[in-house]
Amino acid sequence: MKSKYEIIIYWSAEDEAYIAEVPELPGCMADGTTYHEALSNVEVIIQEWIETAKELKRPIPQPKGKLMYA
């Protein structure tokens, strides 16, 4: 399932991996050895983040659908 949240993917020389971050979901990030692996991994983490927030009865931000920083 494709997320509607903004995902930022960048190369981390320190980690020697691509890092995928979801700014709208605090602490939601994943990594991968390739760009596509990082994207695939973060899609799983987004779903887990949302499931955990529901279990803990925490608010789930609505996707903004555009860059927050523009």
PDB file of N, CA and C in Angstrom:
ATOM      1  N   MET A   1       0.844  -1.179   0.000  1.00  0.00           N
ATOM      2  CA  MET A   1       0.000   0.000   0.000  1.00  0.00           C
ATOM      3  C   MET A   1       0.893   1.247   0.000  1.00  0.00           C
ATOM      4  N   LYS A   2       0.643   2.147  -0.893  1.00  0.00           N
ATOM      5  CA  LYS A   2       1.429   3.372  -0.993  1.00  0.00           C
ATOM      6  C   LYS A   2       0.929   4.397   0.016  1.00  0.00           C
ATOM      7  N   SER A   3       1.894   5.029   0.651  1.00  0.00           N
ATOM      8  CA  SER A   3       1.578   6.047   1.642  1.00  0.00           C
ATOM      9  C   SER A   3       1.288   7.380   0.970  1.00  0.00           C
ATOM     10  N   LYS A   4       0.482   8.199   1.630  1.00  0.00           N
ATOM     11  CA  LYS A   4       0.235   9.555   1.147  1.00  0.00           C
ATOM     12  C   LYS A   4       1.050  10.561   1.944  1.00  0.00           C
ATOM     13  N   TYR A   5       1.886  10.046   2.856  1.00  0.00           N
ATOM     14  CA  TYR A   5       2.751  10.923   3.626  1.00  0.00           C
ATOM     15  C   TYR A   5       3.997  11.272   2.833  1.00  0.00           C
ATOM     16  N   GLU A   6       4.508  12.464   3.104  1.00  0.00           N
ATOM     17  CA  GLU A   6       5.757  12.892   2.488  1.00  0.00           C
ATOM     18  C   GLU A   6       6.884  11.988   2.993  1.00  0.00           C
ATOM     19  N   ILE A   7       7.716  11.503   2.076  1.00  0.00           N
ATOM     20  CA  ILE A   7       8.867  10.670   2.426  1.00  0.00           C
ATOM     21  C   ILE A   7      10.103  11.321   1.839  1.00  0.00           C
ATOM     22  N   ILE A   8      11.092  11.546   2.690  1.00  0.00           N
ATOM     23  CA  ILE A   8      12.356  12.123   2.251  1.00  0.00           C
ATOM     24  C   ILE A   8      13.396  11.014   2.290  1.00  0.00           C
ATOM     25  N   ILE A   9      14.061  10.779   1.157  1.00  0.00           N
ATOM     26  CA  ILE A   9      15.071   9.725   1.073  1.00  0.00           C
ATOM     27  C   ILE A   9      16.403  10.365   0.711  1.00  0.00           C
ATOM     28  N   TYR A  10      17.435   9.995   1.454  1.00  0.00           N
ATOM     29  CA  TYR A  10      18.772  10.525   1.187  1.00  0.00           C
ATOM     30  C   TYR A  10      19.823   9.472   1.512  1.00  0.00           C
ATOM     31  N   TRP A  11      21.009   9.644   0.950  1.00  0.00           N
ATOM     32  CA  TRP A  11      22.128   8.755   1.214  1.00  0.00           C
ATOM     33  C   TRP A  11      22.860   9.220   2.463  1.00  0.00           C
ATOM     34  N   SER A  12      23.156   8.292   3.364  1.00  0.00           N
ATOM     35  CA  SER A  12      23.929   8.594   4.565  1.00  0.00           C
ATOM     36  C   SER A  12      25.279   7.885   4.452  1.00  0.00           C
ATOM     37  N   ALA A  13      26.336   8.667   4.261  1.00  0.00           N
ATOM     38  CA  ALA A  13      27.671   8.083   4.181  1.00  0.00           C
ATOM     39  C   ALA A  13      28.045   7.443   5.515  1.00  0.00           C
ATOM     40  N   GLU A  14      27.613   8.072   6.606  1.00  0.00           N
ATOM     41  CA  GLU A  14      27.914   7.548   7.941  1.00  0.00           C
ATOM     42  C   GLU A  14      27.328   6.151   8.133  1.00  0.00           C
ATOM     43  N   ASP A  15      26.086   5.953   7.683  1.00  0.00           N
ATOM     44  CA  ASP A  15      25.408   4.667   7.830  1.00  0.00           C
ATOM     45  C   ASP A  15      25.654   3.740   6.637  1.00  0.00           C
ATOM     46  N   GLU A  16      26.196   4.297   5.560  1.00  0.00           N
ATOM     47  CA  GLU A  16      26.383   3.566   4.299  1.00  0.00           C
ATOM     48  C   GLU A  16      25.068   2.929   3.853  1.00  0.00           C
ATOM     49  N   ALA A  17      24.019   3.750   3.887  1.00  0.00           N
ATOM     50  CA  ALA A  17      22.684   3.286   3.514  1.00  0.00           C
ATOM     51  C   ALA A  17      21.827   4.478   3.121  1.00  0.00           C
ATOM     52  N   TYR A  18      20.755   4.191   2.404  1.00  0.00           N
ATOM     53  CA  TYR A  18      19.737   5.202   2.135  1.00  0.00           C
ATOM     54  C   TYR A  18      18.837   5.279   3.360  1.00  0.00           C
ATOM     55  N   ILE A  19      18.489   6.486   3.746  1.00  0.00           N
ATOM     56  CA  ILE A  19      17.603   6.723   4.890  1.00  0.00           C
ATOM     57  C   ILE A  19      16.306   7.325   4.359  1.00  0.00           C
ATOM     58  N   ALA A  20      15.194   6.787   4.811  1.00  0.00           N
ATOM     59  CA  ALA A  20      13.874   7.300   4.434  1.00  0.00           C
ATOM     60  C   ALA A  20      13.200   7.816   5.699  1.00  0.00           C
ATOM     61  N   GLU A  21      12.848   9.091   5.698  1.00  0.00           N
ATOM     62  CA  GLU A  21      12.203   9.719   6.853  1.00  0.00           C
ATOM     63  C   GLU A  21      10.805  10.207   6.475  1.00  0.00           C
ATOM     64  N   VAL A  22       9.907  10.174   7.451  1.00  0.00           N
ATOM     65  CA  VAL A  22       8.534  10.654   7.273  1.00  0.00           C
ATOM     66  C   VAL A  22       8.338  11.793   8.276  1.00  0.00           C
ATOM     67  N   PRO A  23       8.575  13.036   7.849  1.00  0.00           N
ATOM     68  CA  PRO A  23       8.538  14.180   8.774  1.00  0.00           C
ATOM     69  C   PRO A  23       7.217  14.349   9.529  1.00  0.00           C
ATOM     70  N   GLU A  24       6.124  13.956   8.934  1.00  0.00           N
ATOM     71  CA  GLU A  24       4.820  14.150   9.574  1.00  0.00           C
ATOM     72  C   GLU A  24       4.542  13.142  10.699  1.00  0.00           C
ATOM     73  N   LEU A  25       5.340  12.059  10.734  1.00  0.00           N
ATOM     74  CA  LEU A  25       5.170  11.033  11.756  1.00  0.00           C
ATOM     75  C   LEU A  25       6.455  10.974  12.578  1.00  0.00           C
ATOM     76  N   PRO A  26       6.510  11.643  13.711  1.00  0.00           N
ATOM     77  CA  PRO A  26       7.734  11.742  14.490  1.00  0.00           C
ATOM     78  C   PRO A  26       8.397  10.391  14.767  1.00  0.00           C
ATOM     79  N   GLY A  27       9.687  10.316  14.451  1.00  0.00           N
ATOM     80  CA  GLY A  27      10.457   9.104  14.693  1.00  0.00           C
ATOM     81  C   GLY A  27      10.273   8.025  13.655  1.00  0.00           C
ATOM     82  N   CYS A  28       9.464   8.276  12.640  1.00  0.00           N
ATOM     83  CA  CYS A  28       9.184   7.275  11.616  1.00  0.00           C
ATOM     84  C   CYS A  28      10.253   7.344  10.529  1.00  0.00           C
ATOM     85  N   MET A  29      11.108   6.308  10.499  1.00  0.00           N
ATOM     86  CA  MET A  29      12.162   6.269   9.486  1.00  0.00           C
ATOM     87  C   MET A  29      12.614   4.832   9.285  1.00  0.00           C
ATOM     88  N   ALA A  30      13.265   4.610   8.160  1.00  0.00           N
ATOM     89  CA  ALA A  30      13.793   3.287   7.834  1.00  0.00           C
ATOM     90  C   ALA A  30      15.027   3.483   6.974  1.00  0.00           C
ATOM     91  N   ASP A  31      15.738   2.399   6.741  1.00  0.00           N
ATOM     92  CA  ASP A  31      16.898   2.480   5.867  1.00  0.00           C
ATOM     93  C   ASP A  31      16.890   1.319   4.890  1.00  0.00           C
ATOM     94  N   GLY A  32      17.846   1.343   3.970  1.00  0.00           N
ATOM     95  CA  GLY A  32      17.981   0.272   2.998  1.00  0.00           C
ATOM     96  C   GLY A  32      19.279   0.429   2.228  1.00  0.00           C
ATOM     97  N   THR A  33      19.752  -0.649   1.647  1.00  0.00           N
ATOM     98  CA  THR A  33      20.991  -0.586   0.875  1.00  0.00           C
ATOM     99  C   THR A  33      20.780   0.068  -0.480  1.00  0.00           C
ATOM    100  N   THR A  34      19.512   0.123  -0.918  1.00  0.00           N
ATOM    101  CA  THR A  34      19.172   0.823  -2.160  1.00  0.00           C
ATOM    102  C   THR A  34      18.041   1.809  -1.872  1.00  0.00           C
ATOM    103  N   TYR A  35      17.870   2.745  -2.790  1.00  0.00           N
ATOM    104  CA  TYR A  35      16.783   3.727  -2.686  1.00  0.00           C
ATOM    105  C   TYR A  35      15.440   3.005  -2.569  1.00  0.00           C
ATOM    106  N   HIS A  36      15.220   2.018  -3.442  1.00  0.00           N
ATOM    107  CA  HIS A  36      13.933   1.317  -3.477  1.00  0.00           C
ATOM    108  C   HIS A  36      13.720   0.461  -2.227  1.00  0.00           C
ATOM    109  N   GLU A  37      14.804  -0.102  -1.694  1.00  0.00           N
ATOM    110  CA  GLU A  37      14.676  -0.875  -0.467  1.00  0.00           C
ATOM    111  C   GLU A  37      14.294   0.038   0.706  1.00  0.00           C
ATOM    112  N   ALA A  38      14.907   1.215   0.791  1.00  0.00           N
ATOM    113  CA  ALA A  38      14.564   2.175   1.843  1.00  0.00           C
ATOM    114  C   ALA A  38      13.097   2.588   1.728  1.00  0.00           C
ATOM    115  N   LEU A  39      12.634   2.836   0.512  1.00  0.00           N
ATOM    116  CA  LEU A  39      11.238   3.216   0.293  1.00  0.00           C
ATOM    117  C   LEU A  39      10.294   2.089   0.707  1.00  0.00           C
ATOM    118  N   SER A  40      10.607   0.881   0.297  1.00  0.00           N
ATOM    119  CA  SER A  40       9.782  -0.275   0.651  1.00  0.00           C
ATOM    120  C   SER A  40       9.746  -0.472   2.167  1.00  0.00           C
ATOM    121  N   ASN A  41      10.904  -0.349   2.803  1.00  0.00           N
ATOM    122  CA  ASN A  41      10.981  -0.527   4.256  1.00  0.00           C
ATOM    123  C   ASN A  41      10.191   0.541   4.999  1.00  0.00           C
ATOM    124  N   VAL A  42      10.267   1.789   4.542  1.00  0.00           N
ATOM    125  CA  VAL A  42       9.554   2.850   5.255  1.00  0.00           C
ATOM    126  C   VAL A  42       8.040   2.722   5.083  1.00  0.00           C
ATOM    127  N   GLU A  43       7.586   2.159   3.970  1.00  0.00           N
ATOM    128  CA  GLU A  43       6.141   1.938   3.806  1.00  0.00           C
ATOM    129  C   GLU A  43       5.630   0.978   4.883  1.00  0.00           C
ATOM    130  N   VAL A  44       6.416  -0.043   5.206  1.00  0.00           N
ATOM    131  CA  VAL A  44       6.054  -0.985   6.267  1.00  0.00           C
ATOM    132  C   VAL A  44       6.060  -0.267   7.619  1.00  0.00           C
ATOM    133  N   ILE A  45       7.089   0.536   7.851  1.00  0.00           N
ATOM    134  CA  ILE A  45       7.219   1.243   9.124  1.00  0.00           C
ATOM    135  C   ILE A  45       6.087   2.255   9.316  1.00  0.00           C
ATOM    136  N   ILE A  46       5.649   2.897   8.240  1.00  0.00           N
ATOM    137  CA  ILE A  46       4.516   3.832   8.337  1.00  0.00           C
ATOM    138  C   ILE A  46       3.283   3.102   8.860  1.00  0.00           C
ATOM    139  N   GLN A  47       3.000   1.938   8.301  1.00  0.00           N
ATOM    140  CA  GLN A  47       1.824   1.175   8.738  1.00  0.00           C
ATOM    141  C   GLN A  47       1.963   0.757  10.197  1.00  0.00           C
ATOM    142  N   GLU A  48       3.179   0.343  10.589  1.00  0.00           N
ATOM    143  CA  GLU A  48       3.414  -0.039  11.982  1.00  0.00           C
ATOM    144  C   GLU A  48       3.276   1.167  12.914  1.00  0.00           C
ATOM    145  N   TRP A  49       3.752   2.330  12.463  1.00  0.00           N
ATOM    146  CA  TRP A  49       3.640   3.561  13.258  1.00  0.00           C
ATOM    147  C   TRP A  49       2.174   3.873  13.514  1.00  0.00           C
ATOM    148  N   ILE A  50       1.364   3.788  12.452  1.00  0.00           N
ATOM    149  CA  ILE A  50      -0.069   4.091  12.568  1.00  0.00           C
ATOM    150  C   ILE A  50      -0.772   3.081  13.475  1.00  0.00           C
ATOM    151  N   GLU A  51      -0.453   1.791  13.318  1.00  0.00           N
ATOM    152  CA  GLU A  51      -1.060   0.760  14.170  1.00  0.00           C
ATOM    153  C   GLU A  51      -0.716   0.988  15.641  1.00  0.00           C
ATOM    154  N   THR A  52       0.535   1.326  15.909  1.00  0.00           N
ATOM    155  CA  THR A  52       0.964   1.578  17.286  1.00  0.00           C
ATOM    156  C   THR A  52       0.258   2.799  17.858  1.00  0.00           C
ATOM    157  N   ALA A  53       0.161   3.865  17.062  1.00  0.00           N
ATOM    158  CA  ALA A  53      -0.536   5.076  17.523  1.00  0.00           C
ATOM    159  C   ALA A  53      -1.993   4.761  17.860  1.00  0.00           C
ATOM    160  N   LYS A  54      -2.644   3.944  17.046  1.00  0.00           N
ATOM    161  CA  LYS A  54      -4.041   3.566  17.324  1.00  0.00           C
ATOM    162  C   LYS A  54      -4.139   2.790  18.630  1.00  0.00           C
ATOM    163  N   GLU A  55      -3.217   1.826  18.832  1.00  0.00           N
ATOM    164  CA  GLU A  55      -3.224   1.022  20.049  1.00  0.00           C
ATOM    165  C   GLU A  55      -3.029   1.891  21.290  1.00  0.00           C
ATOM    166  N   LEU A  56      -2.176   2.908  21.160  1.00  0.00           N
ATOM    167  CA  LEU A  56      -1.883   3.790  22.289  1.00  0.00           C
ATOM    168  C   LEU A  56      -2.849   4.973  22.375  1.00  0.00           C
ATOM    169  N   LYS A  57      -3.827   4.993  21.452  1.00  0.00           N
ATOM    170  CA  LYS A  57      -4.822   6.062  21.384  1.00  0.00           C
ATOM    171  C   LYS A  57      -4.185   7.444  21.239  1.00  0.00           C
ATOM    172  N   ARG A  58      -3.156   7.493  20.406  1.00  0.00           N
ATOM    173  CA  ARG A  58      -2.475   8.755  20.109  1.00  0.00           C
ATOM    174  C   ARG A  58      -2.985   9.302  18.780  1.00  0.00           C
ATOM    175  N   PRO A  59      -2.916  10.618  18.603  1.00  0.00           N
ATOM    176  CA  PRO A  59      -3.396  11.202  17.348  1.00  0.00           C
ATOM    177  C   PRO A  59      -2.520  10.784  16.165  1.00  0.00           C
ATOM    178  N   ILE A  60      -3.174  10.618  15.030  1.00  0.00           N
ATOM    179  CA  ILE A  60      -2.479  10.276  13.791  1.00  0.00           C
ATOM    180  C   ILE A  60      -2.632  11.452  12.845  1.00  0.00           C
ATOM    181  N   PRO A  61      -1.529  12.125  12.516  1.00  0.00           N
ATOM    182  CA  PRO A  61      -1.625  13.283  11.616  1.00  0.00           C
ATOM    183  C   PRO A  61      -2.163  12.893  10.239  1.00  0.00           C
ATOM    184  N   GLN A  62      -2.962  13.764   9.661  1.00  0.00           N
ATOM    185  CA  GLN A  62      -3.425  13.563   8.296  1.00  0.00           C
ATOM    186  C   GLN A  62      -2.301  13.930   7.332  1.00  0.00           C
ATOM    187  N   PRO A  63      -2.115  13.160   6.255  1.00  0.00           N
ATOM    188  CA  PRO A  63      -1.084  13.519   5.282  1.00  0.00           C
ATOM    189  C   PRO A  63      -1.369  14.884   4.676  1.00  0.00           C
ATOM    190  N   LYS A  64      -0.351  15.696   4.552  1.00  0.00           N
ATOM    191  CA  LYS A  64      -0.522  17.023   3.960  1.00  0.00           C
ATOM    192  C   LYS A  64      -0.508  16.966   2.437  1.00  0.00           C
ATOM    193  N   GLY A  65       0.146  15.963   1.890  1.00  0.00           N
ATOM    194  CA  GLY A  65       0.136  15.780   0.446  1.00  0.00           C
ATOM    195  C   GLY A  65       1.018  16.754  -0.310  1.00  0.00           C
ATOM    196  N   LYS A  66       1.848  17.519   0.396  1.00  0.00           N
ATOM    197  CA  LYS A  66       2.774  18.431  -0.262  1.00  0.00           C
ATOM    198  C   LYS A  66       3.951  18.675   0.674  1.00  0.00           C
ATOM    199  N   LEU A  67       4.996  19.223   0.144  1.00  0.00           N
ATOM    200  CA  LEU A  67       6.158  19.484   0.974  1.00  0.00           C
ATOM    201  C   LEU A  67       5.823  20.450   2.084  1.00  0.00           C
ATOM    202  N   MET A  68       6.189  20.110   3.294  1.00  0.00           N
ATOM    203  CA  MET A  68       5.924  20.957   4.452  1.00  0.00           C
ATOM    204  C   MET A  68       6.848  22.161   4.468  1.00  0.00           C
ATOM    205  N   TYR A  69       8.007  22.044   3.841  1.00  0.00           N
ATOM    206  CA  TYR A  69       9.056  23.028   3.984  1.00  0.00           C
ATOM    207  C   TYR A  69       9.154  23.987   2.804  1.00  0.00           C
ATOM    208  N   ALA A  70       8.255  23.854   1.865  1.00  0.00           N
ATOM    209  CA  ALA A  70       8.329  24.700   0.666  1.00  0.00           C
ATOM    210  C   ALA A  70       7.926  26.129   0.950  1.00  0.00           C
TER     211      ALA A  70
END
